[in-house]
Amino acid sequence: MLVLTLKSPLPLLFFFLFFTISFAELCNPNDKKALLNIKKAFNNAYYFASWKPEEDCCTWYSVHCDENSHRIISLDISTDNEISGQIPPYVGDLPFLQSLMLHKLPNLVGPIQPALAKLHNLKHLDISWTNISGTIPDFLSSLSKLTYIRLSFSNLSGAIPSSLSKLPNLEFLQLDRSKLTGQIPYSFGDFKAKGFYLYLSHNKLSGKIPPSLSRVDFESVDLSRNKLEGDASMIFGAHRHTWKVDLSRNLLEFDMSKVVFSTSLFMLDLNHNKIYGGLPPQMTKLSNLNSFNVSYNRLCGQIPKGGELQRFDVYSYFHNKCLCGAPLESCK
């Protein structure tokens, strides 16, 4: 048996004081209450087994607290088939939340809750691979600290809110693989970030790409598998930092011979459109080009010799009007 012998009460006082501080609750009680309400709203799923009322919520699974204030700044609920129901409105009761991730939750349904409009410190919003539905709410534009929005792989429908362009710090917008309709908002030319990421693929978007996008310095843009028409040349430019462009499987129609490409281009996919003209000789200077496809268009003329263009196979070029030269048949 261990016997603690103390000659004065002072060391004993320090001992108990140290013990009390070591095991003190750090989590804010209001944050803890919100989390327990979220757990209850999700029917106390096993995913939340560590969320025990008698324990410090800063130690709970999927929860991260600020090291100084101990307020909850991150909530990441991911990859669970048991969690079902709608997004609990209690998420809005975490006022210091900077990152919210609800990812790979196939039984998460219903709309994006209006309560999220209270999260004015939110920087990172990821609600993806779920079955949420309804429209993308306009109130997201009021969350001015947002830098990242991912609402992909869902049943979201309706038009994309033009108000998203009001977000002064937004750098990444991913709304792919849903059921969105209408046009790409003209206001999307107002995004200010250097190296903007825009992913709108696998939707039902239609109409013309707004010429205002010529003002955006894209890092990566994917508008593939929609019903977009007309010109897309405003996506490109010699002085941009763009490394990926995927415009495949649309109804785009423009003269490719007049397009000037960024030398940083790493991936270019334009297949299954109505693009005409020839491949500009400037493309031989794209030394970083690693993935390339212009098949199923209306291109004509000789494929320029040099650079990376000859290392791509026939399938990158075939089913055009009259393209010729290696790797296709020789020009007559």
Protein backbone atom coordinates (compact mmCIF):
# COMPACT_ATOMS: atom_id res chain seq x y z
CA MET A 1 0.00 0.00 0.00
CA LEU A 2 1.30 3.44 -0.98
CA VAL A 3 1.27 5.90 1.91
CA LEU A 4 1.59 9.60 1.16
CA THR A 5 3.27 11.34 4.09
CA LEU A 6 3.12 15.11 4.13
CA LYS A 7 4.71 17.18 6.95
CA SER A 8 2.53 20.23 6.29
CA PRO A 9 -0.88 20.90 4.74
CA LEU A 10 0.62 23.19 2.07
CA PRO A 11 2.01 20.42 -0.19
CA LEU A 12 -1.29 18.56 0.19
CA LEU A 13 -3.13 21.65 -1.03
CA PHE A 14 -0.85 21.87 -4.10
CA PHE A 15 -1.42 18.16 -4.79
CA PHE A 16 -5.19 18.46 -4.86
CA LEU A 17 -5.01 21.72 -6.82
CA PHE A 18 -2.84 20.04 -9.48
CA PHE A 19 -5.22 17.06 -9.60
CA THR A 20 -8.25 19.35 -10.07
CA ILE A 21 -6.61 21.40 -12.86
CA SER A 22 -5.40 18.28 -14.67
CA PHE A 23 -8.89 16.89 -14.95
CA ALA A 24 -10.81 20.14 -15.37
CA GLU A 25 -13.42 20.47 -18.06
CA LEU A 26 -11.97 22.55 -20.91
CA CYS A 27 -14.92 22.41 -23.31
CA ASN A 28 -17.32 25.32 -23.19
CA PRO A 29 -20.66 24.15 -21.67
CA ASN A 30 -22.70 25.74 -24.46
CA ASP A 31 -20.62 23.97 -27.09
CA LYS A 32 -21.03 20.71 -25.21
CA LYS A 33 -24.80 21.16 -25.07
CA ALA A 34 -24.92 21.76 -28.83
CA LEU A 35 -22.89 18.61 -29.51
CA LEU A 36 -25.09 16.47 -27.30
CA ASN A 37 -28.13 17.81 -29.14
CA ILE A 38 -26.47 16.88 -32.46
CA LYS A 39 -25.83 13.38 -31.12
CA LYS A 40 -29.47 13.04 -30.03
CA ALA A 41 -30.72 14.35 -33.40
CA PHE A 42 -28.73 11.57 -35.08
CA ASN A 43 -30.44 9.00 -32.79
CA ASN A 44 -27.33 8.47 -30.66
CA ALA A 45 -25.61 6.55 -33.45
CA TYR A 46 -22.63 4.43 -32.45
CA TYR A 47 -20.40 6.91 -34.31
CA PHE A 48 -20.84 9.20 -31.28
CA ALA A 49 -19.94 6.58 -28.65
CA SER A 50 -17.11 8.74 -27.31
CA TRP A 51 -19.45 11.70 -26.84
CA LYS A 52 -20.08 11.03 -23.14
CA PRO A 53 -21.61 13.82 -21.04
CA GLU A 54 -19.25 13.13 -18.17
CA GLU A 55 -16.13 13.62 -20.29
CA ASP A 56 -14.48 16.71 -21.75
CA CYS A 57 -15.96 17.25 -25.22
CA CYS A 58 -12.60 18.53 -26.49
CA THR A 59 -11.50 14.89 -26.35
CA TRP A 60 -14.47 13.54 -28.32
CA TYR A 61 -14.07 11.85 -31.69
CA SER A 62 -14.45 14.20 -34.71
CA VAL A 63 -14.28 17.30 -32.50
CA HIS A 64 -11.40 19.78 -32.37
CA CYS A 65 -11.08 22.67 -29.92
CA ASP A 66 -8.94 25.77 -30.09
CA GLU A 67 -5.84 25.33 -27.93
CA ASN A 68 -6.29 28.65 -26.18
CA SER A 69 -10.00 29.38 -25.97
CA HIS A 70 -11.08 25.70 -25.95
CA ARG A 71 -14.05 26.62 -28.11
CA ILE A 72 -14.97 24.10 -30.79
CA ILE A 73 -13.51 25.16 -34.13
CA SER A 74 -13.83 21.97 -36.18
CA LEU A 75 -16.48 19.26 -36.55
CA ASP A 76 -15.79 16.41 -38.96
CA ILE A 77 -18.50 13.72 -39.20
CA SER A 78 -17.49 11.35 -41.98
CA THR A 79 -18.04 7.92 -43.52
CA ASP A 80 -20.89 6.30 -41.64
CA ASN A 81 -23.98 4.49 -42.97
CA GLU A 82 -25.76 4.45 -39.62
CA ILE A 83 -26.08 8.22 -39.28
CA SER A 84 -29.45 9.24 -40.74
CA GLY A 85 -31.76 12.21 -40.81
CA GLN A 86 -31.33 15.87 -41.64
CA ILE A 87 -28.51 18.22 -40.74
CA PRO A 88 -29.27 19.10 -37.10
CA PRO A 89 -30.00 22.81 -36.64
CA TYR A 90 -27.89 22.64 -33.46
CA VAL A 91 -24.79 22.85 -35.65
CA GLY A 92 -25.59 26.56 -35.78
CA ASP A 93 -25.07 26.73 -32.01
CA LEU A 94 -21.29 26.35 -32.39
CA PRO A 95 -20.44 30.04 -32.97
CA PHE A 96 -16.65 29.58 -33.18
CA LEU A 97 -16.80 26.78 -35.74
CA GLN A 98 -14.29 27.31 -38.56
CA SER A 99 -14.58 23.96 -40.33
CA LEU A 100 -17.66 21.79 -40.84
CA MET A 101 -17.41 18.49 -42.71
CA LEU A 102 -20.33 16.12 -43.28
CA HIS A 103 -18.81 13.64 -45.70
CA LYS A 104 -19.85 10.24 -47.05
CA LEU A 105 -23.09 10.07 -45.09
CA PRO A 106 -25.49 8.41 -47.58
CA ASN A 107 -28.47 8.65 -45.21
CA LEU A 108 -28.10 12.38 -44.60
CA VAL A 109 -31.12 13.98 -46.29
CA GLY A 110 -33.11 17.19 -46.40
CA PRO A 111 -31.97 20.76 -47.06
CA ILE A 112 -28.92 22.70 -45.95
CA GLN A 113 -30.23 24.05 -42.66
CA PRO A 114 -30.81 27.82 -42.33
CA ALA A 115 -29.18 27.57 -38.88
CA LEU A 116 -25.80 27.37 -40.61
CA ALA A 117 -26.21 31.08 -41.38
CA LYS A 118 -25.16 31.73 -37.77
CA LEU A 119 -21.66 30.30 -38.34
CA HIS A 120 -19.93 33.61 -39.08
CA ASN A 121 -16.46 32.21 -38.35
CA LEU A 122 -16.81 29.37 -40.84
CA LYS A 123 -13.96 29.08 -43.35
CA HIS A 124 -14.31 25.52 -44.61
CA LEU A 125 -17.68 23.96 -45.54
CA ASP A 126 -17.79 20.41 -46.90
CA ILE A 127 -21.14 18.62 -47.25
CA SER A 128 -20.35 15.96 -49.85
CA TRP A 129 -21.31 12.41 -50.80
CA THR A 130 -24.67 12.74 -49.08
CA ASN A 131 -28.31 12.74 -50.19
CA ILE A 132 -29.11 16.28 -49.15
CA SER A 133 -31.60 17.99 -51.45
CA GLY A 134 -33.18 21.36 -52.14
CA THR A 135 -31.36 24.40 -53.44
CA ILE A 136 -28.02 25.93 -52.57
CA PRO A 137 -29.03 28.56 -50.00
CA ASP A 138 -28.38 32.20 -50.70
CA PHE A 139 -27.38 32.77 -47.07
CA LEU A 140 -23.97 31.20 -47.71
CA SER A 141 -22.94 34.52 -49.23
CA SER A 142 -23.23 36.12 -45.76
CA LEU A 143 -20.50 33.87 -44.33
CA SER A 144 -17.74 36.22 -45.40
CA LYS A 145 -14.83 34.18 -44.02
CA LEU A 146 -15.52 31.18 -46.26
CA THR A 147 -12.54 30.17 -48.37
CA TYR A 148 -13.70 26.65 -49.30
CA ILE A 149 -17.15 25.32 -50.29
CA ARG A 150 -17.72 21.73 -51.34
CA LEU A 151 -21.32 20.60 -51.91
CA SER A 152 -20.71 17.76 -54.36
CA PHE A 153 -22.22 14.29 -54.88
CA SER A 154 -25.70 15.24 -53.68
CA ASN A 155 -29.29 15.75 -54.82
CA LEU A 156 -29.08 19.53 -54.76
CA SER A 157 -31.10 21.14 -57.56
CA GLY A 158 -32.06 24.53 -58.92
CA ALA A 159 -29.86 27.41 -59.98
CA ILE A 160 -26.45 28.31 -58.57
CA PRO A 161 -26.83 31.47 -56.46
CA SER A 162 -25.05 34.39 -58.08
CA SER A 163 -24.50 35.82 -54.60
CA LEU A 164 -21.66 33.35 -53.96
CA SER A 165 -19.41 35.74 -55.86
CA LYS A 166 -19.79 38.20 -52.96
CA LEU A 167 -17.61 35.99 -50.77
CA PRO A 168 -14.37 38.02 -50.62
CA ASN A 169 -12.11 35.18 -49.50
CA LEU A 170 -13.47 32.25 -51.50
CA GLU A 171 -10.77 30.24 -53.28
CA PHE A 172 -12.43 26.89 -53.88
CA LEU A 173 -15.97 26.15 -55.10
CA GLN A 174 -16.97 22.56 -55.84
CA LEU A 175 -20.61 21.91 -56.78
CA ASP A 176 -20.16 18.90 -59.06
CA ARG A 177 -22.22 15.72 -59.44
CA SER A 178 -25.59 17.08 -58.41
CA LYS A 179 -28.73 18.16 -60.28
CA LEU A 180 -28.07 21.86 -60.69
CA THR A 181 -29.72 23.67 -63.60
CA GLY A 182 -29.62 27.07 -65.25
CA GLN A 183 -26.62 29.10 -66.30
CA ILE A 184 -23.27 29.78 -64.70
CA PRO A 185 -23.82 33.17 -63.02
CA TYR A 186 -22.27 36.16 -64.78
CA SER A 187 -21.16 37.39 -61.37
CA PHE A 188 -18.69 34.49 -61.13
CA GLY A 189 -16.29 36.74 -62.98
CA ASP A 190 -15.95 38.69 -59.73
CA PHE A 191 -14.00 36.05 -57.79
CA LYS A 192 -10.76 37.67 -56.65
CA ALA A 193 -8.62 34.75 -55.51
CA LYS A 194 -5.37 34.14 -57.35
CA GLY A 195 -5.59 30.56 -58.53
CA PHE A 196 -9.34 29.94 -58.16
CA TYR A 197 -10.71 26.36 -58.20
CA LEU A 198 -14.12 25.93 -59.86
CA TYR A 199 -15.76 22.51 -60.24
CA LEU A 200 -19.29 22.40 -61.70
CA SER A 201 -19.15 19.13 -63.65
CA HIS A 202 -21.83 16.43 -63.92
CA ASN A 203 -24.82 18.73 -63.56
CA LYS A 204 -27.51 19.99 -65.95
CA LEU A 205 -26.14 23.47 -66.51
CA SER A 206 -26.99 25.09 -69.83
CA GLY A 207 -26.54 28.27 -71.83
CA LYS A 208 -23.34 30.11 -72.59
CA ILE A 209 -20.29 30.40 -70.37
CA PRO A 210 -20.29 34.03 -69.19
CA PRO A 211 -17.49 36.11 -70.78
CA SER A 212 -16.88 37.60 -67.33
CA LEU A 213 -14.88 34.46 -66.47
CA SER A 214 -12.05 35.99 -68.49
CA ARG A 215 -11.32 38.05 -65.35
CA VAL A 216 -10.72 35.00 -63.16
CA ASP A 217 -7.24 33.50 -62.84
CA PHE A 218 -8.19 29.85 -62.57
CA GLU A 219 -5.90 27.30 -61.04
CA SER A 220 -8.26 24.51 -62.06
CA VAL A 221 -11.67 24.54 -63.77
CA ASP A 222 -13.98 21.62 -64.56
CA LEU A 223 -17.27 22.32 -66.34
CA SER A 224 -17.54 18.91 -67.99
CA ARG A 225 -20.71 16.87 -68.58
CA ASN A 226 -23.22 19.69 -68.75
CA LYS A 227 -25.12 21.26 -71.65
CA LEU A 228 -23.03 24.40 -72.03
CA GLU A 229 -22.98 26.11 -75.43
CA GLY A 230 -20.93 28.54 -77.45
CA ASP A 231 -17.56 30.06 -76.69
CA ALA A 232 -15.20 28.87 -73.95
CA SER A 233 -12.03 30.65 -75.05
CA MET A 234 -12.32 33.10 -72.15
CA ILE A 235 -11.19 30.28 -69.83
CA PHE A 236 -7.72 30.37 -71.38
CA GLY A 237 -4.96 32.95 -71.54
CA ALA A 238 -1.19 33.18 -71.78
CA HIS A 239 -0.64 34.89 -68.45
CA ARG A 240 -2.77 32.63 -66.28
CA HIS A 241 -1.66 30.03 -63.78
CA THR A 242 -4.15 27.41 -64.96
CA TRP A 243 -2.96 23.80 -64.79
CA LYS A 244 -6.24 21.94 -65.43
CA VAL A 245 -9.15 22.61 -67.80
CA ASP A 246 -11.91 20.04 -68.39
CA LEU A 247 -14.74 21.21 -70.66
CA SER A 248 -15.55 17.80 -72.11
CA ARG A 249 -19.01 16.52 -73.07
CA ASN A 250 -20.79 19.82 -73.61
CA LEU A 251 -22.07 21.63 -76.70
CA LEU A 252 -19.24 24.16 -76.93
CA GLU A 253 -18.44 25.70 -80.30
CA PHE A 254 -15.44 28.01 -80.89
CA ASP A 255 -12.33 28.35 -83.04
CA MET A 256 -9.48 26.60 -81.29
CA SER A 257 -6.87 28.05 -83.62
CA LYS A 258 -7.35 31.46 -81.98
CA VAL A 259 -6.90 30.24 -78.40
CA VAL A 260 -3.70 31.05 -76.49
CA PHE A 261 -2.87 28.58 -73.75
CA SER A 262 -1.01 29.02 -70.48
CA THR A 263 2.36 27.26 -70.46
CA SER A 264 1.51 25.91 -67.00
CA LEU A 265 -1.25 23.73 -68.50
CA PHE A 266 -0.94 20.14 -67.27
CA MET A 267 -4.34 18.68 -68.21
CA LEU A 268 -6.65 19.69 -71.09
CA ASP A 269 -9.82 17.78 -71.98
CA LEU A 270 -12.16 19.16 -74.64
CA ASN A 271 -13.62 15.91 -76.01
CA HIS A 272 -17.21 15.59 -77.25
CA ASN A 273 -17.94 19.19 -78.22
CA LYS A 274 -18.32 21.12 -81.51
CA ILE A 275 -14.95 22.86 -81.45
CA TYR A 276 -13.57 23.76 -84.88
CA GLY A 277 -10.42 25.25 -86.42
CA GLY A 278 -6.97 23.79 -85.96
CA LEU A 279 -4.54 23.16 -83.14
CA PRO A 280 -2.44 26.32 -82.73
CA PRO A 281 1.35 25.87 -83.15
CA GLN A 282 1.79 27.50 -79.74
CA MET A 283 0.66 24.20 -78.21
CA THR A 284 4.09 22.70 -78.94
CA LYS A 285 5.43 24.97 -76.18
CA LEU A 286 3.22 23.38 -73.51
CA SER A 287 6.05 21.38 -71.94
CA ASN A 288 4.00 20.48 -68.84
CA LEU A 289 1.12 18.92 -70.77
CA ASN A 290 0.54 15.44 -69.36
CA SER A 291 -3.11 14.69 -70.17
CA PHE A 292 -4.76 15.78 -73.42
CA ASN A 293 -7.96 14.96 -75.32
CA VAL A 294 -9.65 16.80 -78.21
CA SER A 295 -11.46 13.81 -79.71
CA TYR A 296 -15.04 13.99 -81.03
CA ASN A 297 -14.92 17.58 -82.24
CA ARG A 298 -14.76 19.31 -85.66
CA LEU A 299 -11.06 20.14 -85.75
CA CYS A 300 -9.12 20.20 -88.99
CA GLY A 301 -5.57 20.57 -90.28
CA GLN A 302 -2.20 19.15 -89.32
CA ILE A 303 -1.32 18.38 -85.72
CA PRO A 304 1.67 20.65 -84.97
CA LYS A 305 4.95 18.78 -84.66
CA GLY A 306 6.99 19.08 -81.52
CA GLY A 307 6.55 19.47 -77.82
CA GLU A 308 4.29 16.93 -76.14
CA LEU A 309 1.64 16.61 -78.86
CA GLN A 310 3.05 13.49 -80.55
CA ARG A 311 3.33 11.49 -77.35
CA PHE A 312 -0.46 11.26 -77.01
CA ASP A 313 -2.15 8.36 -78.79
CA VAL A 314 -4.75 8.26 -81.55
CA TYR A 315 -7.60 8.26 -79.05
CA SER A 316 -6.71 11.79 -77.97
CA TYR A 317 -7.39 13.07 -81.51
CA PHE A 318 -9.75 10.76 -83.37
CA HIS A 319 -13.31 11.51 -84.55
CA ASN A 320 -12.57 15.01 -85.78
CA LYS A 321 -13.44 16.53 -89.14
CA CYS A 322 -10.05 16.40 -90.83
CA LEU A 323 -7.21 16.37 -88.33
CA CYS A 324 -4.09 14.69 -89.71
CA GLY A 325 -0.46 14.05 -88.91
CA ALA A 326 1.16 11.98 -86.19
CA PRO A 327 -0.23 10.18 -84.30
CA LEU A 328 -3.04 10.17 -86.90
CA GLU A 329 -2.59 9.37 -90.60
CA SER A 330 -0.32 11.60 -92.64
CA CYS A 331 -1.83 14.70 -94.21
CA LYS A 332 -2.55 14.33 -97.92
